[in-house]
Amino acid sequence: MVRDAIQMQGWHALALLACGLWADRGGRLADWAGAAFAAGLVVFCGAVYALALGGMRLPMVAPIGGTLLMLGWALLAASALWAR
């Protein structure tokens, strides 16, 4: 389970880096995508780490984080479609 969280954190950290590199051309949508990725990483991976390492269940926290990560991808795609 920790391996899954680490893998998810790694891929979305790269997406967050892409948002930073794309921010000049992507505008506010790229900024919002970065914010969604950052919040989603903390919430989703935090919930998975809490369960795997501490045995602490946080109901509905991981799905909220996953939704934020998906929102980040949608916003990043939208920023690419409407790039300056």
C-alpha atoms as a PDB file:
ATOM      1  CA  MET A   1       0.000   0.000   0.000  1.00  0.00           C
ATOM      2  CA  VAL A   2       2.852   2.376   0.771  1.00  0.00           C
ATOM      3  CA  ARG A   3       4.340   1.514  -2.607  1.00  0.00           C
ATOM      4  CA  ASP A   4       1.107   2.641  -4.312  1.00  0.00           C
ATOM      5  CA  ALA A   5       1.133   5.940  -2.432  1.00  0.00           C
ATOM      6  CA  ILE A   6       4.775   6.550  -3.301  1.00  0.00           C
ATOM      7  CA  GLN A   7       4.122   5.808  -6.963  1.00  0.00           C
ATOM      8  CA  MET A   8       1.064   8.083  -7.032  1.00  0.00           C
ATOM      9  CA  GLN A   9       3.014  10.814  -5.272  1.00  0.00           C
ATOM     10  CA  GLY A  10       5.867  10.545  -7.755  1.00  0.00           C
ATOM     11  CA  TRP A  11       3.710  10.769 -10.879  1.00  0.00           C
ATOM     12  CA  HIS A  12       1.670  13.669  -9.581  1.00  0.00           C
ATOM     13  CA  ALA A  13       4.778  15.485  -8.379  1.00  0.00           C
ATOM     14  CA  LEU A  14       5.912  15.396 -12.009  1.00  0.00           C
ATOM     15  CA  ALA A  15       2.504  16.760 -13.048  1.00  0.00           C
ATOM     16  CA  LEU A  16       2.909  19.544 -10.501  1.00  0.00           C
ATOM     17  CA  LEU A  17       6.312  20.339 -11.987  1.00  0.00           C
ATOM     18  CA  ALA A  18       4.730  20.409 -15.463  1.00  0.00           C
ATOM     19  CA  CYS A  19       2.147  22.906 -14.179  1.00  0.00           C
ATOM     20  CA  GLY A  20       4.936  25.165 -13.001  1.00  0.00           C
ATOM     21  CA  LEU A  21       6.724  24.975 -16.341  1.00  0.00           C
ATOM     22  CA  TRP A  22       3.471  25.498 -18.253  1.00  0.00           C
ATOM     23  CA  ALA A  23       2.134  28.320 -16.047  1.00  0.00           C
ATOM     24  CA  ASP A  24       3.274  31.166 -18.324  1.00  0.00           C
ATOM     25  CA  ARG A  25       1.353  29.796 -21.302  1.00  0.00           C
ATOM     26  CA  GLY A  26      -1.460  28.039 -19.445  1.00  0.00           C
ATOM     27  CA  GLY A  27      -2.599  31.033 -17.408  1.00  0.00           C
ATOM     28  CA  ARG A  28      -4.934  30.715 -14.453  1.00  0.00           C
ATOM     29  CA  LEU A  29      -6.100  27.240 -15.452  1.00  0.00           C
ATOM     30  CA  ALA A  30      -2.546  25.955 -15.096  1.00  0.00           C
ATOM     31  CA  ASP A  31      -2.292  27.703 -11.724  1.00  0.00           C
ATOM     32  CA  TRP A  32      -5.529  26.086 -10.556  1.00  0.00           C
ATOM     33  CA  ALA A  33      -4.335  22.728 -11.864  1.00  0.00           C
ATOM     34  CA  GLY A  34      -1.180  23.072  -9.774  1.00  0.00           C
ATOM     35  CA  ALA A  35      -3.216  23.938  -6.701  1.00  0.00           C
ATOM     36  CA  ALA A  36      -5.486  20.930  -7.278  1.00  0.00           C
ATOM     37  CA  PHE A  37      -2.466  18.638  -7.699  1.00  0.00           C
ATOM     38  CA  ALA A  38      -0.803  19.960  -4.537  1.00  0.00           C
ATOM     39  CA  ALA A  39      -3.949  19.624  -2.425  1.00  0.00           C
ATOM     40  CA  GLY A  40      -4.774  16.223  -3.919  1.00  0.00           C
ATOM     41  CA  LEU A  41      -1.289  14.920  -3.207  1.00  0.00           C
ATOM     42  CA  VAL A  42      -1.445  15.937   0.430  1.00  0.00           C
ATOM     43  CA  VAL A  43      -4.964  14.619   0.983  1.00  0.00           C
ATOM     44  CA  PHE A  44      -4.839  11.390  -1.055  1.00  0.00           C
ATOM     45  CA  CYS A  45      -1.308  10.277  -0.254  1.00  0.00           C
ATOM     46  CA  GLY A  46      -1.691  11.413   3.343  1.00  0.00           C
ATOM     47  CA  ALA A  47      -4.746   9.197   3.773  1.00  0.00           C
ATOM     48  CA  VAL A  48      -2.995   6.210   2.199  1.00  0.00           C
ATOM     49  CA  TYR A  49       0.143   6.744   4.312  1.00  0.00           C
ATOM     50  CA  ALA A  50      -1.978   7.106   7.466  1.00  0.00           C
ATOM     51  CA  LEU A  51      -3.641   3.765   6.770  1.00  0.00           C
ATOM     52  CA  ALA A  52      -0.489   1.928   5.717  1.00  0.00           C
ATOM     53  CA  LEU A  53       1.883   3.231   8.354  1.00  0.00           C
ATOM     54  CA  GLY A  54      -0.348   4.015  11.301  1.00  0.00           C
ATOM     55  CA  GLY A  55      -3.408   1.857  10.732  1.00  0.00           C
ATOM     56  CA  MET A  56      -5.551   4.999  10.941  1.00  0.00           C
ATOM     57  CA  ARG A  57      -8.633   4.926   8.713  1.00  0.00           C
ATOM     58  CA  LEU A  58      -9.763   8.269   7.354  1.00  0.00           C
ATOM     59  CA  PRO A  59     -13.095   7.610   5.625  1.00  0.00           C
ATOM     60  CA  MET A  60     -13.833   9.731   2.551  1.00  0.00           C
ATOM     61  CA  VAL A  61     -10.457  11.480   2.715  1.00  0.00           C
ATOM     62  CA  ALA A  62      -8.734   9.444  -0.017  1.00  0.00           C
ATOM     63  CA  PRO A  63     -11.675   9.806  -2.457  1.00  0.00           C
ATOM     64  CA  ILE A  64     -11.641  13.582  -1.958  1.00  0.00           C
ATOM     65  CA  GLY A  65      -7.908  13.629  -2.668  1.00  0.00           C
ATOM     66  CA  GLY A  66      -8.387  11.440  -5.737  1.00  0.00           C
ATOM     67  CA  THR A  67     -11.090  13.771  -6.995  1.00  0.00           C
ATOM     68  CA  LEU A  68      -8.735  16.724  -6.560  1.00  0.00           C
ATOM     69  CA  LEU A  69      -6.062  14.892  -8.559  1.00  0.00           C
ATOM     70  CA  MET A  70      -8.534  14.189 -11.372  1.00  0.00           C
ATOM     71  CA  LEU A  71      -9.617  17.824 -11.291  1.00  0.00           C
ATOM     72  CA  GLY A  72      -5.963  18.800 -11.661  1.00  0.00           C
ATOM     73  CA  TRP A  73      -5.649  16.694 -14.812  1.00  0.00           C
ATOM     74  CA  ALA A  74      -8.836  18.184 -16.256  1.00  0.00           C
ATOM     75  CA  LEU A  75      -7.664  21.722 -15.537  1.00  0.00           C
ATOM     76  CA  LEU A  76      -4.235  21.026 -17.032  1.00  0.00           C
ATOM     77  CA  ALA A  77      -5.868  19.649 -20.191  1.00  0.00           C
ATOM     78  CA  ALA A  78      -8.174  22.675 -20.380  1.00  0.00           C
ATOM     79  CA  SER A  79      -5.189  24.991 -20.023  1.00  0.00           C
ATOM     80  CA  ALA A  80      -3.554  23.238 -22.975  1.00  0.00           C
ATOM     81  CA  LEU A  81      -6.679  23.674 -25.085  1.00  0.00           C
ATOM     82  CA  TRP A  82      -7.011  27.368 -24.300  1.00  0.00           C
ATOM     83  CA  ALA A  83      -3.301  28.238 -24.160  1.00  0.00           C
ATOM     84  CA  ARG A  84      -2.249  31.795 -24.830  1.00  0.00           C
END
